[in-house]
Every structure is written in C-alpha cells, then in structure tokens.
Amino acid sequence: IPALGFPSAQVEYRREERAAGTTKYPLSRMIRLTV
C-alpha cells in the first residue's frame, strides 16, 4: 500500500495488550513475513 504512493496521513495510538487468547503470529510467521 505505501508503494502505491497515494496521498496518506497518520493517526497515532497506544498499542494495547491482547484482550484474550494467544498470538497468531509466532516467531516462525514473523520470520516468514520478513522473508
């Protein structure tokens, strides 16, 4: 989406703790995302 170069803006916020359950982004998926 940033590569499209469309006019953009930003809104800042505080990241909260996960409300319940477990993360669906373990280390293996983070590595896959990076690759």
PDB file of all heavy atoms in Angstrom:
ATOM      1  N   ILE A   1       0.818  -1.219   0.000  1.00  0.00           N
ATOM      2  CA  ILE A   1       0.000   0.000   0.000  1.00  0.00           C
ATOM      3  C   ILE A   1       0.851   1.270   0.000  1.00  0.00           C
ATOM      4  O   ILE A   1       0.590   2.187  -0.778  1.00  0.00           O
ATOM      5  CB  ILE A   1      -0.990  -0.043   1.180  1.00  0.00           C
ATOM      6  CG1 ILE A   1      -1.992  -1.189   0.946  1.00  0.00           C
ATOM      7  CG2 ILE A   1      -1.725   1.281   1.345  1.00  0.00           C
ATOM      8  CD1 ILE A   1      -2.862  -1.520   2.121  1.00  0.00           C
ATOM      9  N   PRO A   2       1.911   1.381   0.826  1.00  0.00           N
ATOM     10  CA  PRO A   2       2.760   2.584   0.711  1.00  0.00           C
ATOM     11  C   PRO A   2       3.420   2.710  -0.661  1.00  0.00           C
ATOM     12  O   PRO A   2       3.656   3.832  -1.140  1.00  0.00           O
ATOM     13  CB  PRO A   2       3.805   2.374   1.813  1.00  0.00           C
ATOM     14  CG  PRO A   2       3.163   1.461   2.789  1.00  0.00           C
ATOM     15  CD  PRO A   2       2.304   0.554   1.976  1.00  0.00           C
ATOM     16  N   ALA A   3       3.714   1.572  -1.319  1.00  0.00           N
ATOM     17  CA  ALA A   3       4.374   1.620  -2.624  1.00  0.00           C
ATOM     18  C   ALA A   3       3.475   2.228  -3.689  1.00  0.00           C
ATOM     19  O   ALA A   3       3.978   2.702  -4.723  1.00  0.00           O
ATOM     20  CB  ALA A   3       4.804   0.217  -3.039  1.00  0.00           C
ATOM     21  N   LEU A   4       2.150   2.261  -3.484  1.00  0.00           N
ATOM     22  CA  LEU A   4       1.255   2.876  -4.455  1.00  0.00           C
ATOM     23  C   LEU A   4       1.470   4.383  -4.551  1.00  0.00           C
ATOM     24  O   LEU A   4       1.195   4.992  -5.587  1.00  0.00           O
ATOM     25  CB  LEU A   4      -0.204   2.583  -4.084  1.00  0.00           C
ATOM     26  CG  LEU A   4      -0.640   1.108  -4.122  1.00  0.00           C
ATOM     27  CD1 LEU A   4      -2.060   0.965  -3.595  1.00  0.00           C
ATOM     28  CD2 LEU A   4      -0.527   0.548  -5.530  1.00  0.00           C
ATOM     29  N   GLY A   5       1.935   4.977  -3.464  1.00  0.00           N
ATOM     30  CA  GLY A   5       2.231   6.411  -3.485  1.00  0.00           C
ATOM     31  C   GLY A   5       1.019   7.312  -3.375  1.00  0.00           C
ATOM     32  O   GLY A   5       1.106   8.511  -3.666  1.00  0.00           O
ATOM     33  N   PHE A   6      -0.139   6.784  -2.948  1.00  0.00           N
ATOM     34  CA  PHE A   6      -1.330   7.602  -2.803  1.00  0.00           C
ATOM     35  C   PHE A   6      -1.166   8.566  -1.615  1.00  0.00           C
ATOM     36  O   PHE A   6      -0.429   8.265  -0.676  1.00  0.00           O
ATOM     37  CB  PHE A   6      -2.559   6.730  -2.588  1.00  0.00           C
ATOM     38  CG  PHE A   6      -3.008   5.985  -3.820  1.00  0.00           C
ATOM     39  CD1 PHE A   6      -2.253   5.992  -4.976  1.00  0.00           C
ATOM     40  CD2 PHE A   6      -4.193   5.264  -3.823  1.00  0.00           C
ATOM     41  CE1 PHE A   6      -2.651   5.309  -6.107  1.00  0.00           C
ATOM     42  CE2 PHE A   6      -4.603   4.569  -4.944  1.00  0.00           C
ATOM     43  CZ  PHE A   6      -3.831   4.591  -6.097  1.00  0.00           C
ATOM     44  N   PRO A   7      -1.831   9.724  -1.650  1.00  0.00           N
ATOM     45  CA  PRO A   7      -1.755  10.657  -0.513  1.00  0.00           C
ATOM     46  C   PRO A   7      -2.145   9.960   0.787  1.00  0.00           C
ATOM     47  O   PRO A   7      -3.132   9.214   0.832  1.00  0.00           O
ATOM     48  CB  PRO A   7      -2.768  11.751  -0.887  1.00  0.00           C
ATOM     49  CG  PRO A   7      -2.867  11.680  -2.371  1.00  0.00           C
ATOM     50  CD  PRO A   7      -2.680  10.240  -2.740  1.00  0.00           C
ATOM     51  N   SER A   8      -1.363  10.200   1.828  1.00  0.00           N
ATOM     52  CA  SER A   8      -1.580   9.467   3.076  1.00  0.00           C
ATOM     53  C   SER A   8      -1.469  10.390   4.280  1.00  0.00           C
ATOM     54  O   SER A   8      -0.956  11.504   4.190  1.00  0.00           O
ATOM     55  CB  SER A   8      -0.566   8.320   3.212  1.00  0.00           C
ATOM     56  OG  SER A   8       0.748   8.821   3.291  1.00  0.00           O
ATOM     57  N   ALA A   9      -1.965   9.898   5.395  1.00  0.00           N
ATOM     58  CA  ALA A   9      -1.870  10.584   6.676  1.00  0.00           C
ATOM     59  C   ALA A   9      -1.655   9.523   7.746  1.00  0.00           C
ATOM     60  O   ALA A   9      -1.738   8.323   7.476  1.00  0.00           O
ATOM     61  CB  ALA A   9      -3.127  11.398   6.954  1.00  0.00           C
ATOM     62  N   GLN A  10      -1.381   9.973   8.957  1.00  0.00           N
ATOM     63  CA  GLN A  10      -1.129   9.051  10.051  1.00  0.00           C
ATOM     64  C   GLN A  10      -1.930   9.467  11.278  1.00  0.00           C
ATOM     65  O   GLN A  10      -2.127  10.652  11.526  1.00  0.00           O
ATOM     66  CB  GLN A  10       0.366   9.012  10.406  1.00  0.00           C
ATOM     67  CG  GLN A  10       1.261   8.492   9.303  1.00  0.00           C
ATOM     68  CD  GLN A  10       2.725   8.411   9.716  1.00  0.00           C
ATOM     69  OE1 GLN A  10       3.069   8.680  10.868  1.00  0.00           O
ATOM     70  NE2 GLN A  10       3.576   8.032   8.780  1.00  0.00           N
ATOM     71  N   VAL A  11      -2.378   8.466  12.020  1.00  0.00           N
ATOM     72  CA  VAL A  11      -3.043   8.681  13.303  1.00  0.00           C
ATOM     73  C   VAL A  11      -2.319   7.812  14.323  1.00  0.00           C
ATOM     74  O   VAL A  11      -2.214   6.599  14.140  1.00  0.00           O
ATOM     75  CB  VAL A  11      -4.543   8.307  13.243  1.00  0.00           C
ATOM     76  CG1 VAL A  11      -5.154   8.333  14.636  1.00  0.00           C
ATOM     77  CG2 VAL A  11      -5.290   9.250  12.314  1.00  0.00           C
ATOM     78  N   GLU A  12      -1.817   8.418  15.369  1.00  0.00           N
ATOM     79  CA  GLU A  12      -1.068   7.671  16.370  1.00  0.00           C
ATOM     80  C   GLU A  12      -1.999   7.106  17.444  1.00  0.00           C
ATOM     81  O   GLU A  12      -3.053   7.681  17.733  1.00  0.00           O
ATOM     82  CB  GLU A  12      -0.009   8.572  17.016  1.00  0.00           C
ATOM     83  CG  GLU A  12       1.077   9.017  16.043  1.00  0.00           C
ATOM     84  CD  GLU A  12       2.170   9.810  16.728  1.00  0.00           C
ATOM     85  OE1 GLU A  12       1.960  10.205  17.903  1.00  0.00           O
ATOM     86  OE2 GLU A  12       3.228  10.038  16.107  1.00  0.00           O
ATOM     87  N   TYR A  13      -1.597   5.990  18.023  1.00  0.00           N
ATOM     88  CA  TYR A  13      -2.381   5.370  19.085  1.00  0.00           C
ATOM     89  C   TYR A  13      -1.465   4.512  19.949  1.00  0.00           C
ATOM     90  O   TYR A  13      -0.344   4.159  19.539  1.00  0.00           O
ATOM     91  CB  TYR A  13      -3.514   4.512  18.504  1.00  0.00           C
ATOM     92  CG  TYR A  13      -3.042   3.269  17.779  1.00  0.00           C
ATOM     93  CD1 TYR A  13      -2.980   2.037  18.420  1.00  0.00           C
ATOM     94  CD2 TYR A  13      -2.661   3.329  16.444  1.00  0.00           C
ATOM     95  CE1 TYR A  13      -2.549   0.896  17.758  1.00  0.00           C
ATOM     96  CE2 TYR A  13      -2.231   2.196  15.767  1.00  0.00           C
ATOM     97  CZ  TYR A  13      -2.181   0.986  16.428  1.00  0.00           C
ATOM     98  OH  TYR A  13      -1.739  -0.135  15.774  1.00  0.00           O
ATOM     99  N   ARG A  14      -1.942   4.183  21.123  1.00  0.00           N
ATOM    100  CA  ARG A  14      -1.206   3.312  22.042  1.00  0.00           C
ATOM    101  C   ARG A  14      -1.606   1.868  21.807  1.00  0.00           C
ATOM    102  O   ARG A  14      -2.789   1.532  21.816  1.00  0.00           O
ATOM    103  CB  ARG A  14      -1.493   3.705  23.494  1.00  0.00           C
ATOM    104  CG  ARG A  14      -0.739   2.838  24.518  1.00  0.00           C
ATOM    105  CD  ARG A  14      -1.087   3.276  25.938  1.00  0.00           C
ATOM    106  NE  ARG A  14      -0.343   2.511  26.942  1.00  0.00           N
ATOM    107  CZ  ARG A  14      -0.741   1.350  27.440  1.00  0.00           C
ATOM    108  NH1 ARG A  14      -1.899   0.831  27.037  1.00  0.00           N
ATOM    109  NH2 ARG A  14       0.002   0.714  28.335  1.00  0.00           N
ATOM    110  N   ARG A  15      -0.637   1.019  21.567  1.00  0.00           N
ATOM    111  CA  ARG A  15      -0.911  -0.395  21.353  1.00  0.00           C
ATOM    112  C   ARG A  15      -1.241  -1.056  22.686  1.00  0.00           C
ATOM    113  O   ARG A  15      -0.475  -0.942  23.651  1.00  0.00           O
ATOM    114  CB  ARG A  15       0.292  -1.073  20.706  1.00  0.00           C
ATOM    115  CG  ARG A  15       0.052  -2.531  20.320  1.00  0.00           C
ATOM    116  CD  ARG A  15       1.192  -3.018  19.450  1.00  0.00           C
ATOM    117  NE  ARG A  15       1.119  -4.427  19.142  1.00  0.00           N
ATOM    118  CZ  ARG A  15       0.385  -4.970  18.188  1.00  0.00           C
ATOM    119  NH1 ARG A  15      -0.385  -4.182  17.448  1.00  0.00           N
ATOM    120  NH2 ARG A  15       0.401  -6.262  17.956  1.00  0.00           N
ATOM    121  N   GLU A  16      -2.367  -1.743  22.743  1.00  0.00           N
ATOM    122  CA  GLU A  16      -2.832  -2.356  23.974  1.00  0.00           C
ATOM    123  C   GLU A  16      -2.430  -3.828  24.035  1.00  0.00           C
ATOM    124  O   GLU A  16      -1.942  -4.401  23.060  1.00  0.00           O
ATOM    125  CB  GLU A  16      -4.362  -2.218  24.062  1.00  0.00           C
ATOM    126  CG  GLU A  16      -4.845  -0.769  24.034  1.00  0.00           C
ATOM    127  CD  GLU A  16      -6.358  -0.665  24.027  1.00  0.00           C
ATOM    128  OE1 GLU A  16      -7.027  -1.723  24.183  1.00  0.00           O
ATOM    129  OE2 GLU A  16      -6.879   0.451  23.878  1.00  0.00           O
ATOM    130  N   GLU A  17      -2.628  -4.425  25.184  1.00  0.00           N
ATOM    131  CA  GLU A  17      -2.379  -5.848  25.326  1.00  0.00           C
ATOM    132  C   GLU A  17      -3.481  -6.630  24.627  1.00  0.00           C
ATOM    133  O   GLU A  17      -4.601  -6.151  24.457  1.00  0.00           O
ATOM    134  CB  GLU A  17      -2.334  -6.241  26.809  1.00  0.00           C
ATOM    135  CG  GLU A  17      -1.163  -5.645  27.576  1.00  0.00           C
ATOM    136  CD  GLU A  17      -1.143  -6.115  29.017  1.00  0.00           C
ATOM    137  OE1 GLU A  17      -2.063  -6.876  29.388  1.00  0.00           O
ATOM    138  OE2 GLU A  17      -0.221  -5.735  29.749  1.00  0.00           O
ATOM    139  N   ARG A  18      -3.144  -7.839  24.217  1.00  0.00           N
ATOM    140  CA  ARG A  18      -4.151  -8.711  23.604  1.00  0.00           C
ATOM    141  C   ARG A  18      -5.260  -8.962  24.621  1.00  0.00           C
ATOM    142  O   ARG A  18      -5.004  -9.324  25.765  1.00  0.00           O
ATOM    143  CB  ARG A  18      -3.503 -10.021  23.169  1.00  0.00           C
ATOM    144  CG  ARG A  18      -4.477 -11.029  22.641  1.00  0.00           C
ATOM    145  CD  ARG A  18      -3.776 -12.278  22.175  1.00  0.00           C
ATOM    146  NE  ARG A  18      -3.732 -12.376  20.727  1.00  0.00           N
ATOM    147  CZ  ARG A  18      -4.730 -12.833  19.982  1.00  0.00           C
ATOM    148  NH1 ARG A  18      -5.855 -13.208  20.566  1.00  0.00           N
ATOM    149  NH2 ARG A  18      -4.625 -12.907  18.683  1.00  0.00           N
ATOM    150  N   ALA A  19      -6.507  -8.792  24.188  1.00  0.00           N
ATOM    151  CA  ALA A  19      -7.634  -8.882  25.111  1.00  0.00           C
ATOM    152  C   ALA A  19      -7.833 -10.295  25.650  1.00  0.00           C
ATOM    153  O   ALA A  19      -8.185 -10.480  26.811  1.00  0.00           O
ATOM    154  CB  ALA A  19      -8.910  -8.402  24.419  1.00  0.00           C
ATOM    155  N   ALA A  20      -7.609 -11.288  24.807  1.00  0.00           N
ATOM    156  CA  ALA A  20      -7.786 -12.682  25.225  1.00  0.00           C
ATOM    157  C   ALA A  20      -7.168 -13.573  24.165  1.00  0.00           C
ATOM    158  O   ALA A  20      -6.863 -13.141  23.057  1.00  0.00           O
ATOM    159  CB  ALA A  20      -9.273 -13.014  25.413  1.00  0.00           C
ATOM    160  N   GLY A  21      -6.990 -14.840  24.501  1.00  0.00           N
ATOM    161  CA  GLY A  21      -6.438 -15.779  23.539  1.00  0.00           C
ATOM    162  C   GLY A  21      -4.929 -15.654  23.414  1.00  0.00           C
ATOM    163  O   GLY A  21      -4.265 -14.969  24.200  1.00  0.00           O
ATOM    164  N   THR A  22      -4.396 -16.321  22.414  1.00  0.00           N
ATOM    165  CA  THR A  22      -2.943 -16.335  22.191  1.00  0.00           C
ATOM    166  C   THR A  22      -2.629 -15.733  20.833  1.00  0.00           C
ATOM    167  O   THR A  22      -3.481 -15.714  19.929  1.00  0.00           O
ATOM    168  CB  THR A  22      -2.392 -17.771  22.244  1.00  0.00           C
ATOM    169  OG1 THR A  22      -3.061 -18.579  21.252  1.00  0.00           O
ATOM    170  CG2 THR A  22      -2.619 -18.380  23.616  1.00  0.00           C
ATOM    171  N   THR A  23      -1.406 -15.254  20.694  1.00  0.00           N
ATOM    172  CA  THR A  23      -0.999 -14.630  19.448  1.00  0.00           C
ATOM    173  C   THR A  23      -1.027 -15.626  18.298  1.00  0.00           C
ATOM    174  O   THR A  23      -0.733 -16.803  18.460  1.00  0.00           O
ATOM    175  CB  THR A  23       0.413 -14.027  19.569  1.00  0.00           C
ATOM    176  OG1 THR A  23       0.776 -13.428  18.310  1.00  0.00           O
ATOM    177  CG2 THR A  23       1.438 -15.080  19.941  1.00  0.00           C
ATOM    178  N   LYS A  24      -1.397 -15.157  17.122  1.00  0.00           N
ATOM    179  CA  LYS A  24      -1.391 -15.992  15.919  1.00  0.00           C
ATOM    180  C   LYS A  24      -0.190 -15.658  15.043  1.00  0.00           C
ATOM    181  O   LYS A  24      -0.127 -16.067  13.881  1.00  0.00           O
ATOM    182  CB  LYS A  24      -2.697 -15.773  15.128  1.00  0.00           C
ATOM    183  CG  LYS A  24      -3.963 -16.012  15.939  1.00  0.00           C
ATOM    184  CD  LYS A  24      -3.957 -17.381  16.613  1.00  0.00           C
ATOM    185  CE  LYS A  24      -5.231 -17.662  17.391  1.00  0.00           C
ATOM    186  NZ  LYS A  24      -5.413 -16.784  18.536  1.00  0.00           N
ATOM    187  N   TYR A  25       0.761 -14.889  15.610  1.00  0.00           N
ATOM    188  CA  TYR A  25       1.969 -14.540  14.878  1.00  0.00           C
ATOM    189  C   TYR A  25       3.188 -14.987  15.667  1.00  0.00           C
ATOM    190  O   TYR A  25       3.912 -14.175  16.230  1.00  0.00           O
ATOM    191  CB  TYR A  25       2.025 -13.025  14.620  1.00  0.00           C
ATOM    192  CG  TYR A  25       1.923 -12.667  13.149  1.00  0.00           C
ATOM    193  CD1 TYR A  25       0.693 -12.415  12.569  1.00  0.00           C
ATOM    194  CD2 TYR A  25       3.055 -12.610  12.353  1.00  0.00           C
ATOM    195  CE1 TYR A  25       0.582 -12.093  11.221  1.00  0.00           C
ATOM    196  CE2 TYR A  25       2.967 -12.296  11.008  1.00  0.00           C
ATOM    197  CZ  TYR A  25       1.727 -12.035  10.457  1.00  0.00           C
ATOM    198  OH  TYR A  25       1.624 -11.725   9.119  1.00  0.00           O
ATOM    199  N   PRO A  26       3.471 -16.306  15.717  1.00  0.00           N
ATOM    200  CA  PRO A  26       4.666 -16.786  16.416  1.00  0.00           C
ATOM    201  C   PRO A  26       5.926 -16.392  15.654  1.00  0.00           C
ATOM    202  O   PRO A  26       5.870 -15.794  14.567  1.00  0.00           O
ATOM    203  CB  PRO A  26       4.474 -18.305  16.430  1.00  0.00           C
ATOM    204  CG  PRO A  26       3.622 -18.582  15.225  1.00  0.00           C
ATOM    205  CD  PRO A  26       2.711 -17.394  15.099  1.00  0.00           C
ATOM    206  N   LEU A  27       7.069 -16.764  16.199  1.00  0.00           N
ATOM    207  CA  LEU A  27       8.345 -16.385  15.602  1.00  0.00           C
ATOM    208  C   LEU A  27       8.465 -16.894  14.170  1.00  0.00           C
ATOM    209  O   LEU A  27       8.995 -16.189  13.306  1.00  0.00           O
ATOM    210  CB  LEU A  27       9.490 -16.929  16.458  1.00  0.00           C
ATOM    211  CG  LEU A  27      10.913 -16.593  15.972  1.00  0.00           C
ATOM    212  CD1 LEU A  27      11.127 -15.097  15.930  1.00  0.00           C
ATOM    213  CD2 LEU A  27      11.951 -17.270  16.880  1.00  0.00           C
ATOM    214  N   SER A  28       7.975 -18.095  13.897  1.00  0.00           N
ATOM    215  CA  SER A  28       8.099 -18.651  12.545  1.00  0.00           C
ATOM    216  C   SER A  28       7.371 -17.795  11.519  1.00  0.00           C
ATOM    217  O   SER A  28       7.876 -17.563  10.411  1.00  0.00           O
ATOM    218  CB  SER A  28       7.547 -20.080  12.510  1.00  0.00           C
ATOM    219  OG  SER A  28       6.184 -20.096  12.904  1.00  0.00           O
ATOM    220  N   ARG A  29       6.191 -17.281  11.873  1.00  0.00           N
ATOM    221  CA  ARG A  29       5.450 -16.434  10.933  1.00  0.00           C
ATOM    222  C   ARG A  29       6.090 -15.059  10.822  1.00  0.00           C
ATOM    223  O   ARG A  29       6.029 -14.433   9.760  1.00  0.00           O
ATOM    224  CB  ARG A  29       3.997 -16.313  11.375  1.00  0.00           C
ATOM    225  CG  ARG A  29       3.211 -17.612  11.246  1.00  0.00           C
ATOM    226  CD  ARG A  29       1.726 -17.374  11.165  1.00  0.00           C
ATOM    227  NE  ARG A  29       0.992 -18.598  10.934  1.00  0.00           N
ATOM    228  CZ  ARG A  29      -0.316 -18.646  10.672  1.00  0.00           C
ATOM    229  NH1 ARG A  29      -1.011 -17.523  10.623  1.00  0.00           N
ATOM    230  NH2 ARG A  29      -0.913 -19.795  10.467  1.00  0.00           N
ATOM    231  N   MET A  30       6.695 -14.585  11.882  1.00  0.00           N
ATOM    232  CA  MET A  30       7.403 -13.309  11.796  1.00  0.00           C
ATOM    233  C   MET A  30       8.587 -13.422  10.838  1.00  0.00           C
ATOM    234  O   MET A  30       8.852 -12.512  10.043  1.00  0.00           O
ATOM    235  CB  MET A  30       7.869 -12.887  13.194  1.00  0.00           C
ATOM    236  CG  MET A  30       6.744 -12.514  14.141  1.00  0.00           C
ATOM    237  SD  MET A  30       7.299 -12.324  15.856  1.00  0.00           S
ATOM    238  CE  MET A  30       8.484 -10.995  15.677  1.00  0.00           C
ATOM    239  N   ILE A  31       9.290 -14.557  10.914  1.00  0.00           N
ATOM    240  CA  ILE A  31      10.416 -14.768  10.000  1.00  0.00           C
ATOM    241  C   ILE A  31       9.917 -14.871   8.567  1.00  0.00           C
ATOM    242  O   ILE A  31      10.510 -14.298   7.642  1.00  0.00           O
ATOM    243  CB  ILE A  31      11.193 -16.043  10.402  1.00  0.00           C
ATOM    244  CG1 ILE A  31      11.859 -15.827  11.771  1.00  0.00           C
ATOM    245  CG2 ILE A  31      12.245 -16.386   9.354  1.00  0.00           C
ATOM    246  CD1 ILE A  31      12.527 -17.064  12.323  1.00  0.00           C
ATOM    247  N   ARG A  32       8.808 -15.582   8.358  1.00  0.00           N
ATOM    248  CA  ARG A  32       8.243 -15.700   7.014  1.00  0.00           C
ATOM    249  C   ARG A  32       7.831 -14.345   6.469  1.00  0.00           C
ATOM    250  O   ARG A  32       8.035 -14.041   5.282  1.00  0.00           O
ATOM    251  CB  ARG A  32       7.041 -16.639   7.052  1.00  0.00           C
ATOM    252  CG  ARG A  32       6.389 -16.929   5.712  1.00  0.00           C
ATOM    253  CD  ARG A  32       7.285 -17.788   4.858  1.00  0.00           C
ATOM    254  NE  ARG A  32       7.908 -17.028   3.793  1.00  0.00           N
ATOM    255  CZ  ARG A  32       8.790 -17.516   2.955  1.00  0.00           C
ATOM    256  NH1 ARG A  32       9.191 -18.761   3.077  1.00  0.00           N
ATOM    257  NH2 ARG A  32       9.292 -16.777   2.000  1.00  0.00           N
ATOM    258  N   LEU A  33       7.231 -13.506   7.320  1.00  0.00           N
ATOM    259  CA  LEU A  33       6.844 -12.161   6.907  1.00  0.00           C
ATOM    260  C   LEU A  33       8.065 -11.351   6.502  1.00  0.00           C
ATOM    261  O   LEU A  33       8.039 -10.609   5.508  1.00  0.00           O
ATOM    262  CB  LEU A  33       6.089 -11.464   8.037  1.00  0.00           C
ATOM    263  CG  LEU A  33       5.685 -10.008   7.774  1.00  0.00           C
ATOM    264  CD1 LEU A  33       4.629  -9.945   6.679  1.00  0.00           C
ATOM    265  CD2 LEU A  33       5.161  -9.344   9.047  1.00  0.00           C
ATOM    266  N   THR A  34       9.153 -11.478   7.269  1.00  0.00           N
ATOM    267  CA  THR A  34      10.374 -10.747   6.940  1.00  0.00           C
ATOM    268  C   THR A  34      10.946 -11.196   5.600  1.00  0.00           C
ATOM    269  O   THR A  34      11.346 -10.366   4.777  1.00  0.00           O
ATOM    270  CB  THR A  34      11.417 -10.948   8.055  1.00  0.00           C
ATOM    271  OG1 THR A  34      10.868 -10.521   9.302  1.00  0.00           O
ATOM    272  CG2 THR A  34      12.680 -10.148   7.764  1.00  0.00           C
ATOM    273  N   VAL A  35      10.971 -12.512   5.370  1.00  0.00           N
ATOM    274  CA  VAL A  35      11.490 -13.031   4.099  1.00  0.00           C
ATOM    275  C   VAL A  35      10.629 -12.555   2.935  1.00  0.00           C
ATOM    276  O   VAL A  35      11.145 -12.118   1.893  1.00  0.00           O
ATOM    277  CB  VAL A  35      11.560 -14.573   4.137  1.00  0.00           C
ATOM    278  CG1 VAL A  35      11.917 -15.127   2.762  1.00  0.00           C
ATOM    279  CG2 VAL A  35      12.579 -15.018   5.175  1.00  0.00           C
TER     280      VAL A  35
END
